[in-house]
Amino acid sequence: MSVIIKGVQMPQSCSDCRLNYDQCACSVTGTGWYSDTMVLLGFNCDEERLQNCPLVELPEHHGRLIDADEMRNLWTGCSINGSILPLLDARPTVVEAE
């Protein structure tokens, strides 16, 4: 299960992240910023986010987030599904299913 924190902006770097509390590792993934691997990759926590950062930004001014798969299941077999389902499928996914 995921959590959405309303009103929190996407951090530009790990150092700017509100979930960062020890300045040594990501508190979500456990990735150490100063491990040998990260040093070899040239990772700079003050300028970038980890490649495996689990934070996902919602688009600005998005509408309601509904379960489109559930809507598809409800409409399957309905007389209107031939015109509605293609419209539903054409909409972008805002949050991936888990």
PDB file of N, CA and C in Angstrom:
ATOM      1  N   MET A   1       0.847  -1.178   0.000  1.00  0.00           N
ATOM      2  CA  MET A   1       0.000   0.000   0.000  1.00  0.00           C
ATOM      3  C   MET A   1       0.888   1.235   0.000  1.00  0.00           C
ATOM      4  N   SER A   2       0.430   2.255  -0.661  1.00  0.00           N
ATOM      5  CA  SER A   2       1.172   3.506  -0.747  1.00  0.00           C
ATOM      6  C   SER A   2       0.480   4.594   0.057  1.00  0.00           C
ATOM      7  N   VAL A   3       1.210   5.683   0.242  1.00  0.00           N
ATOM      8  CA  VAL A   3       0.687   6.830   0.982  1.00  0.00           C
ATOM      9  C   VAL A   3       0.874   8.070   0.121  1.00  0.00           C
ATOM     10  N   ILE A   4      -0.145   8.897   0.060  1.00  0.00           N
ATOM     11  CA  ILE A   4      -0.039  10.187  -0.615  1.00  0.00           C
ATOM     12  C   ILE A   4      -0.056  11.251   0.469  1.00  0.00           C
ATOM     13  N   ILE A   5       0.934  12.133   0.433  1.00  0.00           N
ATOM     14  CA  ILE A   5       1.001  13.217   1.408  1.00  0.00           C
ATOM     15  C   ILE A   5       0.603  14.496   0.689  1.00  0.00           C
ATOM     16  N   LYS A   6      -0.604  14.972   0.955  1.00  0.00           N
ATOM     17  CA  LYS A   6      -1.117  16.158   0.281  1.00  0.00           C
ATOM     18  C   LYS A   6      -0.294  17.392   0.641  1.00  0.00           C
ATOM     19  N   GLY A   7      -0.065  18.240  -0.366  1.00  0.00           N
ATOM     20  CA  GLY A   7       0.593  19.515  -0.134  1.00  0.00           C
ATOM     21  C   GLY A   7       2.103  19.459  -0.059  1.00  0.00           C
ATOM     22  N   VAL A   8       2.703  18.290  -0.217  1.00  0.00           N
ATOM     23  CA  VAL A   8       4.157  18.173  -0.157  1.00  0.00           C
ATOM     24  C   VAL A   8       4.692  18.161  -1.585  1.00  0.00           C
ATOM     25  N   GLN A   9       5.650  19.003  -1.860  1.00  0.00           N
ATOM     26  CA  GLN A   9       6.239  19.090  -3.194  1.00  0.00           C
ATOM     27  C   GLN A   9       7.325  18.029  -3.372  1.00  0.00           C
ATOM     28  N   MET A  10       7.533  17.610  -4.621  1.00  0.00           N
ATOM     29  CA  MET A  10       8.584  16.645  -4.940  1.00  0.00           C
ATOM     30  C   MET A  10       9.943  17.290  -4.672  1.00  0.00           C
ATOM     31  N   PRO A  11      10.789  16.649  -3.874  1.00  0.00           N
ATOM     32  CA  PRO A  11      12.115  17.219  -3.627  1.00  0.00           C
ATOM     33  C   PRO A  11      12.986  17.141  -4.876  1.00  0.00           C
ATOM     34  N   GLN A  12      13.846  18.124  -5.046  1.00  0.00           N
ATOM     35  CA  GLN A  12      14.766  18.135  -6.186  1.00  0.00           C
ATOM     36  C   GLN A  12      15.967  17.229  -5.946  1.00  0.00           C
ATOM     37  N   SER A  13      16.274  16.993  -4.675  1.00  0.00           N
ATOM     38  CA  SER A  13      17.417  16.141  -4.327  1.00  0.00           C
ATOM     39  C   SER A  13      17.087  15.397  -3.037  1.00  0.00           C
ATOM     40  N   CYS A  14      17.890  14.392  -2.729  1.00  0.00           N
ATOM     41  CA  CYS A  14      17.694  13.640  -1.481  1.00  0.00           C
ATOM     42  C   CYS A  14      17.875  14.543  -0.268  1.00  0.00           C
ATOM     43  N   SER A  15      18.764  15.498  -0.361  1.00  0.00           N
ATOM     44  CA  SER A  15      18.985  16.415   0.758  1.00  0.00           C
ATOM     45  C   SER A  15      17.768  17.288   1.034  1.00  0.00           C
ATOM     46  N   ASP A  16      16.950  17.553   0.007  1.00  0.00           N
ATOM     47  CA  ASP A  16      15.747  18.370   0.160  1.00  0.00           C
ATOM     48  C   ASP A  16      14.535  17.562   0.617  1.00  0.00           C
ATOM     49  N   CYS A  17      14.666  16.245   0.671  1.00  0.00           N
ATOM     50  CA  CYS A  17      13.539  15.365   0.957  1.00  0.00           C
ATOM     51  C   CYS A  17      13.134  15.442   2.424  1.00  0.00           C
ATOM     52  N   ARG A  18      11.822  15.592   2.669  1.00  0.00           N
ATOM     53  CA  ARG A  18      11.310  15.648   4.041  1.00  0.00           C
ATOM     54  C   ARG A  18      11.431  14.305   4.750  1.00  0.00           C
ATOM     55  N   LEU A  19      11.616  13.227   3.999  1.00  0.00           N
ATOM     56  CA  LEU A  19      11.788  11.910   4.606  1.00  0.00           C
ATOM     57  C   LEU A  19      13.246  11.644   4.982  1.00  0.00           C
ATOM     58  N   ASN A  20      14.114  12.562   4.632  1.00  0.00           N
ATOM     59  CA  ASN A  20      15.541  12.444   4.943  1.00  0.00           C
ATOM     60  C   ASN A  20      15.775  12.977   6.350  1.00  0.00           C
ATOM     61  N   TYR A  21      16.216  12.122   7.232  1.00  0.00           N
ATOM     62  CA  TYR A  21      16.427  12.591   8.601  1.00  0.00           C
ATOM     63  C   TYR A  21      17.841  12.388   9.114  1.00  0.00           C
ATOM     64  N   ASP A  22      18.661  11.614   8.416  1.00  0.00           N
ATOM     65  CA  ASP A  22      20.010  11.395   8.957  1.00  0.00           C
ATOM     66  C   ASP A  22      21.145  11.816   8.023  1.00  0.00           C
ATOM     67  N   GLN A  23      20.805  12.267   6.803  1.00  0.00           N
ATOM     68  CA  GLN A  23      21.796  12.743   5.838  1.00  0.00           C
ATOM     69  C   GLN A  23      22.811  11.683   5.420  1.00  0.00           C
ATOM     70  N   CYS A  24      22.511  10.404   5.679  1.00  0.00           N
ATOM     71  CA  CYS A  24      23.448   9.340   5.313  1.00  0.00           C
ATOM     72  C   CYS A  24      22.832   8.291   4.388  1.00  0.00           C
ATOM     73  N   ALA A  25      21.522   8.138   4.467  1.00  0.00           N
ATOM     74  CA  ALA A  25      20.860   7.098   3.674  1.00  0.00           C
ATOM     75  C   ALA A  25      19.394   7.459   3.486  1.00  0.00           C
ATOM     76  N   CYS A  26      18.804   6.886   2.462  1.00  0.00           N
ATOM     77  CA  CYS A  26      17.375   7.069   2.224  1.00  0.00           C
ATOM     78  C   CYS A  26      16.612   6.272   3.276  1.00  0.00           C
ATOM     79  N   SER A  27      15.727   6.931   3.982  1.00  0.00           N
ATOM     80  CA  SER A  27      14.975   6.248   5.032  1.00  0.00           C
ATOM     81  C   SER A  27      13.908   5.318   4.460  1.00  0.00           C
ATOM     82  N   VAL A  28      13.604   5.435   3.170  1.00  0.00           N
ATOM     83  CA  VAL A  28      12.597   4.579   2.550  1.00  0.00           C
ATOM     84  C   VAL A  28      13.243   3.351   1.914  1.00  0.00           C
ATOM     85  N   THR A  29      14.278   3.555   1.110  1.00  0.00           N
ATOM     86  CA  THR A  29      14.913   2.428   0.401  1.00  0.00           C
ATOM     87  C   THR A  29      16.072   1.826   1.175  1.00  0.00           C
ATOM     88  N   GLY A  30      16.633   2.589   2.097  1.00  0.00           N
ATOM     89  CA  GLY A  30      17.808   2.110   2.839  1.00  0.00           C
ATOM     90  C   GLY A  30      19.117   2.273   2.084  1.00  0.00           C
ATOM     91  N   THR A  31      19.075   2.878   0.911  1.00  0.00           N
ATOM     92  CA  THR A  31      20.275   3.081   0.104  1.00  0.00           C
ATOM     93  C   THR A  31      21.184   4.105   0.773  1.00  0.00           C
ATOM     94  N   GLY A  32      22.413   3.705   1.057  1.00  0.00           N
ATOM     95  CA  GLY A  32      23.385   4.619   1.657  1.00  0.00           C
ATOM     96  C   GLY A  32      23.997   5.517   0.602  1.00  0.00           C
ATOM     97  N   TRP A  33      23.997   6.805   0.860  1.00  0.00           N
ATOM     98  CA  TRP A  33      24.531   7.759  -0.113  1.00  0.00           C
ATOM     99  C   TRP A  33      26.041   7.713  -0.207  1.00  0.00           C
ATOM    100  N   TYR A  34      26.679   7.273   0.836  1.00  0.00           N
ATOM    101  CA  TYR A  34      28.139   7.286   0.853  1.00  0.00           C
ATOM    102  C   TYR A  34      28.728   5.890   0.776  1.00  0.00           C
ATOM    103  N   SER A  35      27.928   4.917   0.308  1.00  0.00           N
ATOM    104  CA  SER A  35      28.442   3.562   0.119  1.00  0.00           C
ATOM    105  C   SER A  35      29.437   3.584  -1.038  1.00  0.00           C
ATOM    106  N   ASP A  36      30.277   2.549  -1.103  1.00  0.00           N
ATOM    107  CA  ASP A  36      31.275   2.474  -2.177  1.00  0.00           C
ATOM    108  C   ASP A  36      30.620   2.558  -3.553  1.00  0.00           C
ATOM    109  N   THR A  37      29.485   1.889  -3.716  1.00  0.00           N
ATOM    110  CA  THR A  37      28.790   1.898  -5.006  1.00  0.00           C
ATOM    111  C   THR A  37      28.341   3.301  -5.383  1.00  0.00           C
ATOM    112  N   MET A  38      27.736   4.007  -4.430  1.00  0.00           N
ATOM    113  CA  MET A  38      27.230   5.345  -4.729  1.00  0.00           C
ATOM    114  C   MET A  38      28.374   6.323  -4.991  1.00  0.00           C
ATOM    115  N   VAL A  39      29.460   6.172  -4.283  1.00  0.00           N
ATOM    116  CA  VAL A  39      30.624   7.035  -4.515  1.00  0.00           C
ATOM    117  C   VAL A  39      31.182   6.775  -5.912  1.00  0.00           C
ATOM    118  N   LEU A  40      31.274   5.502  -6.300  1.00  0.00           N
ATOM    119  CA  LEU A  40      31.769   5.161  -7.635  1.00  0.00           C
ATOM    120  C   LEU A  40      30.858   5.706  -8.736  1.00  0.00           C
ATOM    121  N   LEU A  41      29.560   5.734  -8.469  1.00  0.00           N
ATOM    122  CA  LEU A  41      28.610   6.267  -9.450  1.00  0.00           C
ATOM    123  C   LEU A  41      28.616   7.791  -9.491  1.00  0.00           C
ATOM    124  N   GLY A  42      29.298   8.414  -8.532  1.00  0.00           N
ATOM    125  CA  GLY A  42      29.363   9.871  -8.493  1.00  0.00           C
ATOM    126  C   GLY A  42      28.074  10.502  -8.003  1.00  0.00           C
ATOM    127  N   PHE A  43      27.321   9.779  -7.176  1.00  0.00           N
ATOM    128  CA  PHE A  43      26.047  10.293  -6.679  1.00  0.00           C
ATOM    129  C   PHE A  43      26.276  11.456  -5.727  1.00  0.00           C
ATOM    130  N   ASN A  44      25.506  12.530  -5.925  1.00  0.00           N
ATOM    131  CA  ASN A  44      25.591  13.710  -5.069  1.00  0.00           C
ATOM    132  C   ASN A  44      24.203  13.970  -4.497  1.00  0.00           C
ATOM    133  N   CYS A  45      24.013  13.652  -3.212  1.00  0.00           N
ATOM    134  CA  CYS A  45      22.692  13.766  -2.592  1.00  0.00           C
ATOM    135  C   CYS A  45      22.205  15.207  -2.501  1.00  0.00           C
ATOM    136  N   ASP A  46      23.101  16.175  -2.663  1.00  0.00           N
ATOM    137  CA  ASP A  46      22.700  17.582  -2.624  1.00  0.00           C
ATOM    138  C   ASP A  46      22.149  18.070  -3.962  1.00  0.00           C
ATOM    139  N   GLU A  47      22.366  17.298  -5.031  1.00  0.00           N
ATOM    140  CA  GLU A  47      21.974  17.745  -6.363  1.00  0.00           C
ATOM    141  C   GLU A  47      21.011  16.824  -7.104  1.00  0.00           C
ATOM    142  N   GLU A  48      20.833  15.596  -6.625  1.00  0.00           N
ATOM    143  CA  GLU A  48      19.986  14.651  -7.355  1.00  0.00           C
ATOM    144  C   GLU A  48      19.246  13.719  -6.401  1.00  0.00           C
ATOM    145  N   ARG A  49      18.271  13.003  -6.977  1.00  0.00           N
ATOM    146  CA  ARG A  49      17.549  11.985  -6.221  1.00  0.00           C
ATOM    147  C   ARG A  49      18.064  10.620  -6.657  1.00  0.00           C
ATOM    148  N   LEU A  50      17.947   9.650  -5.768  1.00  0.00           N
ATOM    149  CA  LEU A  50      18.357   8.290  -6.096  1.00  0.00           C
ATOM    150  C   LEU A  50      17.568   7.775  -7.293  1.00  0.00           C
ATOM    151  N   GLN A  51      18.202   6.939  -8.107  1.00  0.00           N
ATOM    152  CA  GLN A  51      17.503   6.367  -9.260  1.00  0.00           C
ATOM    153  C   GLN A  51      16.346   5.480  -8.817  1.00  0.00           C
ATOM    154  N   ASN A  52      16.482   4.863  -7.636  1.00  0.00           N
ATOM    155  CA  ASN A  52      15.414   3.997  -7.140  1.00  0.00           C
ATOM    156  C   ASN A  52      14.483   4.732  -6.172  1.00  0.00           C
ATOM    157  N   CYS A  53      14.453   6.055  -6.268  1.00  0.00           N
ATOM    158  CA  CYS A  53      13.581   6.856  -5.400  1.00  0.00           C
ATOM    159  C   CYS A  53      12.134   6.416  -5.609  1.00  0.00           C
ATOM    160  N   PRO A  54      11.431   6.045  -4.532  1.00  0.00           N
ATOM    161  CA  PRO A  54      10.059   5.570  -4.679  1.00  0.00           C
ATOM    162  C   PRO A  54       9.016   6.684  -4.761  1.00  0.00           C
ATOM    163  N   LEU A  55       9.441   7.939  -4.637  1.00  0.00           N
ATOM    164  CA  LEU A  55       8.482   9.036  -4.691  1.00  0.00           C
ATOM    165  C   LEU A  55       7.988   9.237  -6.116  1.00  0.00           C
ATOM    166  N   VAL A  56       6.688   9.442  -6.251  1.00  0.00           N
ATOM    167  CA  VAL A  56       6.065   9.666  -7.552  1.00  0.00           C
ATOM    168  C   VAL A  56       5.263  10.956  -7.456  1.00  0.00           C
ATOM    169  N   GLU A  57       5.469  11.842  -8.418  1.00  0.00           N
ATOM    170  CA  GLU A  57       4.774  13.120  -8.400  1.00  0.00           C
ATOM    171  C   GLU A  57       3.446  13.002  -9.137  1.00  0.00           C
ATOM    172  N   LEU A  58       2.388  13.497  -8.519  1.00  0.00           N
ATOM    173  CA  LEU A  58       1.099  13.560  -9.192  1.00  0.00           C
ATOM    174  C   LEU A  58       1.094  14.791 -10.094  1.00  0.00           C
ATOM    175  N   PRO A  59       0.447  14.707 -11.251  1.00  0.00           N
ATOM    176  CA  PRO A  59       0.401  15.878 -12.122  1.00  0.00           C
ATOM    177  C   PRO A  59      -0.383  17.014 -11.470  1.00  0.00           C
ATOM    178  N   GLU A  60       0.021  18.246 -11.749  1.00  0.00           N
ATOM    179  CA  GLU A  60      -0.691  19.402 -11.220  1.00  0.00           C
ATOM    180  C   GLU A  60      -2.113  19.433 -11.766  1.00  0.00           C
ATOM    181  N   HIS A  61      -3.014  19.864 -10.933  1.00  0.00           N
ATOM    182  CA  HIS A  61      -4.411  20.053 -11.318  1.00  0.00           C
ATOM    183  C   HIS A  61      -5.067  18.770 -11.837  1.00  0.00           C
ATOM    184  N   HIS A  62      -4.636  17.617 -11.307  1.00  0.00           N
ATOM    185  CA  HIS A  62      -5.281  16.374 -11.727  1.00  0.00           C
ATOM    186  C   HIS A  62      -6.702  16.326 -11.176  1.00  0.00           C
ATOM    187  N   GLY A  63      -7.503  15.522 -11.806  1.00  0.00           N
ATOM    188  CA  GLY A  63      -8.877  15.343 -11.337  1.00  0.00           C
ATOM    189  C   GLY A  63      -8.943  14.234 -10.302  1.00  0.00           C
ATOM    190  N   ARG A  64     -10.136  13.707 -10.134  1.00  0.00           N
ATOM    191  CA  ARG A  64     -10.324  12.605  -9.194  1.00  0.00           C
ATOM    192  C   ARG A  64      -9.525  11.396  -9.655  1.00  0.00           C
ATOM    193  N   LEU A  65      -8.978  10.695  -8.717  1.00  0.00           N
ATOM    194  CA  LEU A  65      -8.270   9.459  -9.028  1.00  0.00           C
ATOM    195  C   LEU A  65      -9.242   8.312  -8.770  1.00  0.00           C
ATOM    196  N   ILE A  66      -9.658   7.651  -9.843  1.00  0.00           N
ATOM    197  CA  ILE A  66     -10.612   6.556  -9.707  1.00  0.00           C
ATOM    198  C   ILE A  66      -9.966   5.264 -10.178  1.00  0.00           C
ATOM    199  N   ASP A  67     -10.568   4.152  -9.857  1.00  0.00           N
ATOM    200  CA  ASP A  67     -10.075   2.852 -10.284  1.00  0.00           C
ATOM    201  C   ASP A  67     -10.671   2.536 -11.655  1.00  0.00           C
ATOM    202  N   ALA A  68      -9.917   2.814 -12.710  1.00  0.00           N
ATOM    203  CA  ALA A  68     -10.402   2.615 -14.078  1.00  0.00           C
ATOM    204  C   ALA A  68     -10.648   1.134 -14.365  1.00  0.00           C
ATOM    205  N   ASP A  69      -9.860   0.254 -13.759  1.00  0.00           N
ATOM    206  CA  ASP A  69     -10.080  -1.182 -13.962  1.00  0.00           C
ATOM    207  C   ASP A  69     -11.434  -1.600 -13.400  1.00  0.00           C
ATOM    208  N   GLU A  70     -11.808  -1.038 -12.260  1.00  0.00           N
ATOM    209  CA  GLU A  70     -13.111  -1.333 -11.672  1.00  0.00           C
ATOM    210  C   GLU A  70     -14.233  -0.811 -12.572  1.00  0.00           C
ATOM    211  N   MET A  71     -14.038   0.383 -13.141  1.00  0.00           N
ATOM    212  CA  MET A  71     -15.030   0.930 -14.068  1.00  0.00           C
ATOM    213  C   MET A  71     -15.171   0.014 -15.282  1.00  0.00           C
ATOM    214  N   ARG A  72     -14.057  -0.481 -15.787  1.00  0.00           N
ATOM    215  CA  ARG A  72     -14.077  -1.396 -16.933  1.00  0.00           C
ATOM    216  C   ARG A  72     -14.897  -2.638 -16.587  1.00  0.00           C
ATOM    217  N   ASN A  73     -14.659  -3.184 -15.394  1.00  0.00           N
ATOM    218  CA  ASN A  73     -15.406  -4.376 -14.970  1.00  0.00           C
ATOM    219  C   ASN A  73     -16.902  -4.095 -14.859  1.00  0.00           C
ATOM    220  N   LEU A  74     -17.259  -2.913 -14.370  1.00  0.00           N
ATOM    221  CA  LEU A  74     -18.675  -2.555 -14.243  1.00  0.00           C
ATOM    222  C   LEU A  74     -19.348  -2.413 -15.605  1.00  0.00           C
ATOM    223  N   TRP A  75     -18.625  -1.868 -16.573  1.00  0.00           N
ATOM    224  CA  TRP A  75     -19.204  -1.587 -17.871  1.00  0.00           C
ATOM    225  C   TRP A  75     -19.125  -2.753 -18.847  1.00  0.00           C
ATOM    226  N   THR A  76     -18.329  -3.762 -18.549  1.00  0.00           N
ATOM    227  CA  THR A  76     -18.222  -4.897 -19.459  1.00  0.00           C
ATOM    228  C   THR A  76     -19.599  -5.549 -19.591  1.00  0.00           C
ATOM    229  N   GLY A  77     -20.050  -5.713 -20.797  1.00  0.00           N
ATOM    230  CA  GLY A  77     -21.365  -6.294 -21.040  1.00  0.00           C
ATOM    231  C   GLY A  77     -22.478  -5.271 -21.191  1.00  0.00           C
ATOM    232  N   CYS A  78     -22.204  -4.015 -20.863  1.00  0.00           N
ATOM    233  CA  CYS A  78     -23.209  -2.972 -21.034  1.00  0.00           C
ATOM    234  C   CYS A  78     -23.298  -2.576 -22.507  1.00  0.00           C
ATOM    235  N   SER A  79     -24.434  -2.062 -22.890  1.00  0.00           N
ATOM    236  CA  SER A  79     -24.615  -1.674 -24.295  1.00  0.00           C
ATOM    237  C   SER A  79     -23.755  -0.479 -24.680  1.00  0.00           C
ATOM    238  N   ILE A  80     -23.325   0.315 -23.708  1.00  0.00           N
ATOM    239  CA  ILE A  80     -22.535   1.508 -24.028  1.00  0.00           C
ATOM    240  C   ILE A  80     -21.030   1.241 -24.024  1.00  0.00           C
ATOM    241  N   ASN A  81     -20.614   0.030 -23.668  1.00  0.00           N
ATOM    242  CA  ASN A  81     -19.182  -0.205 -23.496  1.00  0.00           C
ATOM    243  C   ASN A  81     -18.367  -0.030 -24.770  1.00  0.00           C
ATOM    244  N   GLY A  82     -18.984  -0.180 -25.951  1.00  0.00           N
ATOM    245  CA  GLY A  82     -18.247  -0.013 -27.196  1.00  0.00           C
ATOM    246  C   GLY A  82     -17.752   1.401 -27.408  1.00  0.00           C
ATOM    247  N   SER A  83     -18.459   2.383 -26.864  1.00  0.00           N
ATOM    248  CA  SER A  83     -18.033   3.769 -27.044  1.00  0.00           C
ATOM    249  C   SER A  83     -17.296   4.309 -25.823  1.00  0.00           C
ATOM    250  N   ILE A  84     -17.574   3.768 -24.645  1.00  0.00           N
ATOM    251  CA  ILE A  84     -16.978   4.282 -23.418  1.00  0.00           C
ATOM    252  C   ILE A  84     -15.601   3.673 -23.140  1.00  0.00           C
ATOM    253  N   LEU A  85     -15.453   2.366 -23.307  1.00  0.00           N
ATOM    254  CA  LEU A  85     -14.200   1.708 -22.943  1.00  0.00           C
ATOM    255  C   LEU A  85     -12.984   2.245 -23.703  1.00  0.00           C
ATOM    256  N   PRO A  86     -13.080   2.524 -25.011  1.00  0.00           N
ATOM    257  CA  PRO A  86     -11.919   3.122 -25.689  1.00  0.00           C
ATOM    258  C   PRO A  86     -11.539   4.488 -25.113  1.00  0.00           C
ATOM    259  N   LEU A  87     -12.538   5.274 -24.701  1.00  0.00           N
ATOM    260  CA  LEU A  87     -12.250   6.571 -24.075  1.00  0.00           C
ATOM    261  C   LEU A  87     -11.550   6.375 -22.735  1.00  0.00           C
ATOM    262  N   LEU A  88     -12.014   5.414 -21.975  1.00  0.00           N
ATOM    263  CA  LEU A  88     -11.396   5.111 -20.683  1.00  0.00           C
ATOM    264  C   LEU A  88      -9.954   4.657 -20.874  1.00  0.00           C
ATOM    265  N   ASP A  89      -9.729   3.775 -21.837  1.00  0.00           N
ATOM    266  CA  ASP A  89      -8.380   3.251 -22.090  1.00  0.00           C
ATOM    267  C   ASP A  89      -7.426   4.322 -22.602  1.00  0.00           C
ATOM    268  N   ALA A  90      -7.952   5.351 -23.249  1.00  0.00           N
ATOM    269  CA  ALA A  90      -7.102   6.396 -23.827  1.00  0.00           C
ATOM    270  C   ALA A  90      -6.585   7.385 -22.787  1.00  0.00           C
ATOM    271  N   ARG A  91      -7.195   7.419 -21.612  1.00  0.00           N
ATOM    272  CA  ARG A  91      -6.783   8.370 -20.569  1.00  0.00           C
ATOM    273  C   ARG A  91      -5.460   7.928 -19.958  1.00  0.00           C
ATOM    274  N   PRO A  92      -4.597   8.879 -19.588  1.00  0.00           N
ATOM    275  CA  PRO A  92      -3.306   8.518 -19.002  1.00  0.00           C
ATOM    276  C   PRO A  92      -3.461   7.967 -17.577  1.00  0.00           C
ATOM    277  N   THR A  93      -2.569   7.089 -17.221  1.00  0.00           N
ATOM    278  CA  THR A  93      -2.534   6.559 -15.857  1.00  0.00           C
ATOM    279  C   THR A  93      -1.836   7.561 -14.969  1.00  0.00           C
ATOM    280  N   VAL A  94      -2.468   7.960 -13.890  1.00  0.00           N
ATOM    281  CA  VAL A  94      -1.895   8.930 -12.965  1.00  0.00           C
ATOM    282  C   VAL A  94      -1.084   8.214 -11.895  1.00  0.00           C
ATOM    283  N   VAL A  95      -1.645   7.152 -11.338  1.00  0.00           N
ATOM    284  CA  VAL A  95      -0.961   6.342 -10.324  1.00  0.00           C
ATOM    285  C   VAL A  95      -1.046   4.892 -10.778  1.00  0.00           C
ATOM    286  N   GLU A  96       0.096   4.229 -10.915  1.00  0.00           N
ATOM    287  CA  GLU A  96       0.131   2.837 -11.340  1.00  0.00           C
ATOM    288  C   GLU A  96      -0.525   1.938 -10.298  1.00  0.00           C
ATOM    289  N   ALA A  97      -1.144   0.870 -10.721  1.00  0.00           N
ATOM    290  CA  ALA A  97      -1.736  -0.111  -9.805  1.00  0.00           C
ATOM    291  C   ALA A  97      -0.637  -0.824  -9.042  1.00  0.00           C
ATOM    292  N   GLU A  98      -0.964  -1.240  -7.838  1.00  0.00           N
ATOM    293  CA  GLU A  98      -0.003  -2.000  -7.021  1.00  0.00           C
ATOM    294  C   GLU A  98      -0.418  -3.448  -6.981  1.00  0.00           C
TER     295      GLU A  98
END
